[in-house]
PDB file of N, CA and C in Angstrom:
ATOM      1  N   MET A   1       0.847  -1.162   0.000  1.00  0.00           N
ATOM      2  CA  MET A   1       0.000   0.000   0.000  1.00  0.00           C
ATOM      3  C   MET A   1       0.899   1.233   0.000  1.00  0.00           C
ATOM      4  N   ALA A   2       0.768   2.049  -1.012  1.00  0.00           N
ATOM      5  CA  ALA A   2       1.590   3.248  -1.120  1.00  0.00           C
ATOM      6  C   ALA A   2       0.729   4.465  -0.827  1.00  0.00           C
ATOM      7  N   MET A   3       0.758   4.908   0.420  1.00  0.00           N
ATOM      8  CA  MET A   3      -0.015   6.087   0.797  1.00  0.00           C
ATOM      9  C   MET A   3       0.934   7.241   1.049  1.00  0.00           C
ATOM     10  N   GLN A   4       0.560   8.402   0.544  1.00  0.00           N
ATOM     11  CA  GLN A   4       1.332   9.603   0.828  1.00  0.00           C
ATOM     12  C   GLN A   4       0.622  10.347   1.951  1.00  0.00           C
ATOM     13  N   PHE A   5       1.383  10.823   2.903  1.00  0.00           N
ATOM     14  CA  PHE A   5       0.804  11.503   4.047  1.00  0.00           C
ATOM     15  C   PHE A   5       0.828  13.007   3.830  1.00  0.00           C
ATOM     16  N   LYS A   6      -0.092  13.505   3.038  1.00  0.00           N
ATOM     17  CA  LYS A   6      -0.173  14.938   2.778  1.00  0.00           C
ATOM     18  C   LYS A   6      -0.975  15.655   3.851  1.00  0.00           C
ATOM     19  N   ARG A   7      -1.915  14.943   4.435  1.00  0.00           N
ATOM     20  CA  ARG A   7      -2.812  15.549   5.412  1.00  0.00           C
ATOM     21  C   ARG A   7      -2.875  14.679   6.666  1.00  0.00           C
ATOM     22  N   LEU A   8      -3.352  15.290   7.739  1.00  0.00           N
ATOM     23  CA  LEU A   8      -3.573  14.551   8.982  1.00  0.00           C
ATOM     24  C   LEU A   8      -4.522  13.384   8.732  1.00  0.00           C
ATOM     25  N   SER A   9      -5.542  13.620   7.937  1.00  0.00           N
ATOM     26  CA  SER A   9      -6.513  12.556   7.661  1.00  0.00           C
ATOM     27  C   SER A   9      -5.861  11.356   6.983  1.00  0.00           C
ATOM     28  N   ASP A  10      -4.819  11.581   6.190  1.00  0.00           N
ATOM     29  CA  ASP A  10      -4.102  10.464   5.557  1.00  0.00           C
ATOM     30  C   ASP A  10      -3.430   9.588   6.609  1.00  0.00           C
ATOM     31  N   ARG A  11      -2.840  10.220   7.600  1.00  0.00           N
ATOM     32  CA  ARG A  11      -2.169   9.472   8.665  1.00  0.00           C
ATOM     33  C   ARG A  11      -3.170   8.703   9.523  1.00  0.00           C
ATOM     34  N   ILE A  12      -4.299   9.343   9.804  1.00  0.00           N
ATOM     35  CA  ILE A  12      -5.326   8.676  10.605  1.00  0.00           C
ATOM     36  C   ILE A  12      -5.901   7.490   9.836  1.00  0.00           C
ATOM     37  N   LEU A  13      -6.122   7.663   8.543  1.00  0.00           N
ATOM     38  CA  LEU A  13      -6.634   6.569   7.724  1.00  0.00           C
ATOM     39  C   LEU A  13      -5.677   5.387   7.746  1.00  0.00           C
ATOM     40  N   TYR A  14      -4.392   5.650   7.653  1.00  0.00           N
ATOM     41  CA  TYR A  14      -3.399   4.578   7.695  1.00  0.00           C
ATOM     42  C   TYR A  14      -3.462   3.841   9.034  1.00  0.00           C
ATOM     43  N   ALA A  15      -3.562   4.600  10.130  1.00  0.00           N
ATOM     44  CA  ALA A  15      -3.664   3.985  11.456  1.00  0.00           C
ATOM     45  C   ALA A  15      -4.961   3.179  11.578  1.00  0.00           C
ATOM     46  N   LEU A  16      -6.045   3.689  11.008  1.00  0.00           N
ATOM     47  CA  LEU A  16      -7.313   2.968  11.017  1.00  0.00           C
ATOM     48  C   LEU A  16      -7.183   1.642  10.279  1.00  0.00           C
ATOM     49  N   MET A  17      -6.511   1.656   9.161  1.00  0.00           N
ATOM     50  CA  MET A  17      -6.317   0.427   8.393  1.00  0.00           C
ATOM     51  C   MET A  17      -5.505  -0.593   9.196  1.00  0.00           C
ATOM     52  N   LEU A  18      -4.508  -0.131   9.941  1.00  0.00           N
ATOM     53  CA  LEU A  18      -3.729  -1.036  10.797  1.00  0.00           C
ATOM     54  C   LEU A  18      -4.596  -1.631  11.906  1.00  0.00           C
ATOM     55  N   ALA A  19      -5.423  -0.797  12.522  1.00  0.00           N
ATOM     56  CA  ALA A  19      -6.312  -1.288  13.580  1.00  0.00           C
ATOM     57  C   ALA A  19      -7.284  -2.330  13.031  1.00  0.00           C
ATOM     58  N   LEU A  20      -7.760  -2.111  11.822  1.00  0.00           N
ATOM     59  CA  LEU A  20      -8.677  -3.074  11.209  1.00  0.00           C
ATOM     60  C   LEU A  20      -7.975  -4.386  10.893  1.00  0.00           C
ATOM     61  N   GLU A  21      -6.737  -4.304  10.426  1.00  0.00           N
ATOM     62  CA  GLU A  21      -5.962  -5.521  10.158  1.00  0.00           C
ATOM     63  C   GLU A  21      -5.774  -6.333  11.435  1.00  0.00           C
ATOM     64  N   GLN A  22      -5.629  -5.623  12.558  1.00  0.00           N
ATOM     65  CA  GLN A  22      -5.437  -6.283  13.849  1.00  0.00           C
ATOM     66  C   GLN A  22      -6.768  -6.639  14.518  1.00  0.00           C
ATOM     67  N   LYS A  23      -7.872  -6.316  13.838  1.00  0.00           N
ATOM     68  CA  LYS A  23      -9.223  -6.594  14.340  1.00  0.00           C
ATOM     69  C   LYS A  23      -9.469  -5.967  15.714  1.00  0.00           C
ATOM     70  N   ASP A  24      -8.966  -4.754  15.886  1.00  0.00           N
ATOM     71  CA  ASP A  24      -9.127  -4.012  17.135  1.00  0.00           C
ATOM     72  C   ASP A  24     -10.259  -2.998  16.947  1.00  0.00           C
ATOM     73  N   LEU A  25     -11.484  -3.433  17.269  1.00  0.00           N
ATOM     74  CA  LEU A  25     -12.659  -2.602  17.027  1.00  0.00           C
ATOM     75  C   LEU A  25     -12.638  -1.319  17.851  1.00  0.00           C
ATOM     76  N   LYS A  26     -12.218  -1.400  19.100  1.00  0.00           N
ATOM     77  CA  LYS A  26     -12.218  -0.211  19.965  1.00  0.00           C
ATOM     78  C   LYS A  26     -11.333   0.890  19.377  1.00  0.00           C
ATOM     79  N   ILE A  27     -10.125   0.542  18.995  1.00  0.00           N
ATOM     80  CA  ILE A  27      -9.207   1.526  18.416  1.00  0.00           C
ATOM     81  C   ILE A  27      -9.713   1.981  17.051  1.00  0.00           C
ATOM     82  N   ALA A  28     -10.257   1.051  16.268  1.00  0.00           N
ATOM     83  CA  ALA A  28     -10.779   1.399  14.945  1.00  0.00           C
ATOM     84  C   ALA A  28     -11.908   2.424  15.057  1.00  0.00           C
ATOM     85  N   GLU A  29     -12.783   2.255  16.041  1.00  0.00           N
ATOM     86  CA  GLU A  29     -13.880   3.215  16.235  1.00  0.00           C
ATOM     87  C   GLU A  29     -13.342   4.588  16.618  1.00  0.00           C
ATOM     88  N   LEU A  30     -12.358   4.613  17.512  1.00  0.00           N
ATOM     89  CA  LEU A  30     -11.757   5.891  17.906  1.00  0.00           C
ATOM     90  C   LEU A  30     -11.101   6.577  16.709  1.00  0.00           C
ATOM     91  N   LEU A  31     -10.381   5.803  15.922  1.00  0.00           N
ATOM     92  CA  LEU A  31      -9.719   6.366  14.748  1.00  0.00           C
ATOM     93  C   LEU A  31     -10.729   6.801  13.694  1.00  0.00           C
ATOM     94  N   ASN A  32     -11.826   6.076  13.566  1.00  0.00           N
ATOM     95  CA  ASN A  32     -12.870   6.475  12.630  1.00  0.00           C
ATOM     96  C   ASN A  32     -13.454   7.827  13.032  1.00  0.00           C
ATOM     97  N   ASN A  33     -13.689   8.018  14.335  1.00  0.00           N
ATOM     98  CA  ASN A  33     -14.184   9.310  14.822  1.00  0.00           C
ATOM     99  C   ASN A  33     -13.173  10.418  14.544  1.00  0.00           C
ATOM    100  N   ALA A  34     -11.904  10.128  14.772  1.00  0.00           N
ATOM    101  CA  ALA A  34     -10.856  11.118  14.503  1.00  0.00           C
ATOM    102  C   ALA A  34     -10.784  11.428  13.011  1.00  0.00           C
ATOM    103  N   LEU A  35     -10.948  10.409  12.189  1.00  0.00           N
ATOM    104  CA  LEU A  35     -10.913  10.608  10.741  1.00  0.00           C
ATOM    105  C   LEU A  35     -12.063  11.499  10.298  1.00  0.00           C
ATOM    106  N   GLU A  36     -13.259  11.233  10.806  1.00  0.00           N
ATOM    107  CA  GLU A  36     -14.408  12.069  10.467  1.00  0.00           C
ATOM    108  C   GLU A  36     -14.176  13.514  10.888  1.00  0.00           C
ATOM    109  N   ALA A  37     -13.631  13.707  12.080  1.00  0.00           N
ATOM    110  CA  ALA A  37     -13.361  15.061  12.566  1.00  0.00           C
ATOM    111  C   ALA A  37     -12.323  15.761  11.697  1.00  0.00           C
ATOM    112  N   SER A  38     -11.289  15.038  11.297  1.00  0.00           N
ATOM    113  CA  SER A  38     -10.236  15.666  10.493  1.00  0.00           C
ATOM    114  C   SER A  38     -10.716  15.984   9.085  1.00  0.00           C
ATOM    115  N   LEU A  39     -11.654  15.204   8.575  1.00  0.00           N
ATOM    116  CA  LEU A  39     -12.181  15.462   7.230  1.00  0.00           C
ATOM    117  C   LEU A  39     -13.175  16.615   7.212  1.00  0.00           C
ATOM    118  N   THR A  40     -13.801  16.896   8.351  1.00  0.00           N
ATOM    119  CA  THR A  40     -14.837  17.927   8.370  1.00  0.00           C
ATOM    120  C   THR A  40     -14.407  19.217   9.058  1.00  0.00           C
ATOM    121  N   ARG A  41     -13.221  19.248   9.628  1.00  0.00           N
ATOM    122  CA  ARG A  41     -12.791  20.484  10.289  1.00  0.00           C
ATOM    123  C   ARG A  41     -12.548  21.560   9.236  1.00  0.00           C
ATOM    124  N   LYS A  42     -12.739  22.764   9.657  1.00  0.00           N
ATOM    125  CA  LYS A  42     -12.578  23.924   8.780  1.00  0.00           C
ATOM    126  C   LYS A  42     -13.440  23.811   7.532  1.00  0.00           C
ATOM    127  N   ALA A  43     -14.481  23.000   7.616  1.00  0.00           N
ATOM    128  CA  ALA A  43     -15.384  22.846   6.479  1.00  0.00           C
ATOM    129  C   ALA A  43     -16.606  23.725   6.698  1.00  0.00           C
ATOM    130  N   GLY A  44     -17.196  24.093   5.635  1.00  0.00           N
ATOM    131  CA  GLY A  44     -18.413  24.879   5.718  1.00  0.00           C
ATOM    132  C   GLY A  44     -18.140  26.341   5.469  1.00  0.00           C
ATOM    133  N   GLY A  45     -19.063  27.125   5.899  1.00  0.00           N
ATOM    134  CA  GLY A  45     -18.933  28.548   5.656  1.00  0.00           C
ATOM    135  C   GLY A  45     -19.484  28.898   4.284  1.00  0.00           C
ATOM    136  N   LYS A  46     -19.601  30.150   4.069  1.00  0.00           N
ATOM    137  CA  LYS A  46     -20.177  30.639   2.821  1.00  0.00           C
ATOM    138  C   LYS A  46     -19.323  30.236   1.627  1.00  0.00           C
ATOM    139  N   GLY A  47     -19.948  29.608   0.680  1.00  0.00           N
ATOM    140  CA  GLY A  47     -19.266  29.242  -0.554  1.00  0.00           C
ATOM    141  C   GLY A  47     -18.362  28.029  -0.454  1.00  0.00           C
ATOM    142  N   PHE A  48     -18.431  27.278   0.658  1.00  0.00           N
ATOM    143  CA  PHE A  48     -17.554  26.118   0.809  1.00  0.00           C
ATOM    144  C   PHE A  48     -17.961  25.017  -0.154  1.00  0.00           C
ATOM    145  N   VAL A  49     -16.967  24.450  -0.823  1.00  0.00           N
ATOM    146  CA  VAL A  49     -17.187  23.307  -1.705  1.00  0.00           C
ATOM    147  C   VAL A  49     -16.134  22.263  -1.371  1.00  0.00           C
ATOM    148  N   GLU A  50     -16.579  21.049  -1.018  1.00  0.00           N
ATOM    149  CA  GLU A  50     -15.632  19.958  -0.731  1.00  0.00           C
ATOM    150  C   GLU A  50     -14.996  19.515  -2.033  1.00  0.00           C
ATOM    151  N   ARG A  51     -13.681  19.549  -2.082  1.00  0.00           N
ATOM    152  CA  ARG A  51     -12.965  19.211  -3.307  1.00  0.00           C
ATOM    153  C   ARG A  51     -12.292  17.846  -3.254  1.00  0.00           C
ATOM    154  N   ARG A  52     -12.279  17.248  -2.074  1.00  0.00           N
ATOM    155  CA  ARG A  52     -11.617  15.949  -1.954  1.00  0.00           C
ATOM    156  C   ARG A  52     -12.573  14.826  -2.326  1.00  0.00           C
ATOM    157  N   ASP A  53     -12.040  13.839  -3.003  1.00  0.00           N
ATOM    158  CA  ASP A  53     -12.795  12.624  -3.290  1.00  0.00           C
ATOM    159  C   ASP A  53     -12.424  11.587  -2.246  1.00  0.00           C
ATOM    160  N   PHE A  54     -13.354  10.707  -1.948  1.00  0.00           N
ATOM    161  CA  PHE A  54     -13.018   9.599  -1.067  1.00  0.00           C
ATOM    162  C   PHE A  54     -12.197   8.603  -1.858  1.00  0.00           C
ATOM    163  N   THR A  55     -11.093   8.232  -1.299  1.00  0.00           N
ATOM    164  CA  THR A  55     -10.176   7.331  -1.985  1.00  0.00           C
ATOM    165  C   THR A  55     -10.642   5.891  -1.868  1.00  0.00           C
ATOM    166  N   ALA A  56     -10.062   5.052  -2.686  1.00  0.00           N
ATOM    167  CA  ALA A  56     -10.353   3.618  -2.614  1.00  0.00           C
ATOM    168  C   ALA A  56      -9.958   3.073  -1.246  1.00  0.00           C
ATOM    169  N   GLU A  57      -8.873   3.611  -0.669  1.00  0.00           N
ATOM    170  CA  GLU A  57      -8.435   3.169   0.652  1.00  0.00           C
ATOM    171  C   GLU A  57      -9.486   3.495   1.712  1.00  0.00           C
ATOM    172  N   TYR A  58     -10.084   4.678   1.608  1.00  0.00           N
ATOM    173  CA  TYR A  58     -11.120   5.084   2.559  1.00  0.00           C
ATOM    174  C   TYR A  58     -12.329   4.162   2.442  1.00  0.00           C
ATOM    175  N   GLU A  59     -12.762   3.922   1.222  1.00  0.00           N
ATOM    176  CA  GLU A  59     -13.914   3.045   0.996  1.00  0.00           C
ATOM    177  C   GLU A  59     -13.645   1.641   1.541  1.00  0.00           C
ATOM    178  N   ALA A  60     -12.454   1.115   1.285  1.00  0.00           N
ATOM    179  CA  ALA A  60     -12.093  -0.221   1.771  1.00  0.00           C
ATOM    180  C   ALA A  60     -12.080  -0.257   3.297  1.00  0.00           C
ATOM    181  N   ALA A  61     -11.557   0.788   3.918  1.00  0.00           N
ATOM    182  CA  ALA A  61     -11.508   0.845   5.381  1.00  0.00           C
ATOM    183  C   ALA A  61     -12.914   0.867   5.967  1.00  0.00           C
ATOM    184  N   MET A  62     -13.820   1.616   5.351  1.00  0.00           N
ATOM    185  CA  MET A  62     -15.193   1.677   5.855  1.00  0.00           C
ATOM    186  C   MET A  62     -15.892   0.323   5.715  1.00  0.00           C
ATOM    187  N   GLU A  63     -15.627  -0.379   4.624  1.00  0.00           N
ATOM    188  CA  GLU A  63     -16.195  -1.721   4.445  1.00  0.00           C
ATOM    189  C   GLU A  63     -15.669  -2.678   5.514  1.00  0.00           C
ATOM    190  N   LYS A  64     -14.359  -2.633   5.760  1.00  0.00           N
ATOM    191  CA  LYS A  64     -13.760  -3.512   6.770  1.00  0.00           C
ATOM    192  C   LYS A  64     -14.280  -3.180   8.165  1.00  0.00           C
ATOM    193  N   LEU A  65     -14.462  -1.894   8.447  1.00  0.00           N
ATOM    194  CA  LEU A  65     -14.983  -1.487   9.752  1.00  0.00           C
ATOM    195  C   LEU A  65     -16.403  -2.022   9.938  1.00  0.00           C
ATOM    196  N   ASN A  66     -17.227  -1.906   8.922  1.00  0.00           N
ATOM    197  CA  ASN A  66     -18.593  -2.426   9.015  1.00  0.00           C
ATOM    198  C   ASN A  66     -18.603  -3.938   9.201  1.00  0.00           C
ATOM    199  N   GLU A  67     -17.718  -4.640   8.513  1.00  0.00           N
ATOM    200  CA  GLU A  67     -17.618  -6.095   8.676  1.00  0.00           C
ATOM    201  C   GLU A  67     -17.198  -6.457  10.098  1.00  0.00           C
ATOM    202  N   LEU A  68     -16.216  -5.716  10.639  1.00  0.00           N
ATOM    203  CA  LEU A  68     -15.741  -5.987  11.995  1.00  0.00           C
ATOM    204  C   LEU A  68     -16.837  -5.706  13.019  1.00  0.00           C
ATOM    205  N   ARG A  69     -17.610  -4.652  12.801  1.00  0.00           N
ATOM    206  CA  ARG A  69     -18.721  -4.339  13.704  1.00  0.00           C
ATOM    207  C   ARG A  69     -19.724  -5.488  13.751  1.00  0.00           C
ATOM    208  N   LYS A  70     -19.990  -6.092  12.609  1.00  0.00           N
ATOM    209  CA  LYS A  70     -20.963  -7.190  12.543  1.00  0.00           C
ATOM    210  C   LYS A  70     -20.456  -8.440  13.256  1.00  0.00           C
ATOM    211  N   LYS A  71     -19.142  -8.660  13.218  1.00  0.00           N
ATOM    212  CA  LYS A  71     -18.559  -9.855  13.832  1.00  0.00           C
ATOM    213  C   LYS A  71     -18.522  -9.767  15.346  1.00  0.00           C
ATOM    214  N   ILE A  72     -18.402  -8.553  15.846  1.00  0.00           N
ATOM    215  CA  ILE A  72     -18.225  -8.378  17.301  1.00  0.00           C
ATOM    216  C   ILE A  72     -19.492  -7.833  17.931  1.00  0.00           C
TER     217      ILE A  72
END
């Protein structure tokens, strides 16, 4: 997996993926909350337009998180 850490959210996503690989739901949930906060901070305001696309890594992490939630 070749991820570039341009933003805080990139680093959190990487940590979330590690937690999911280790099947650590508690840490994964905390990191998911942190990821959501980092993606939405400084967002909004007049004329705000979200320019970031959700990456394949993000989509895969969300799928794995949902699968882990169902197992536990």
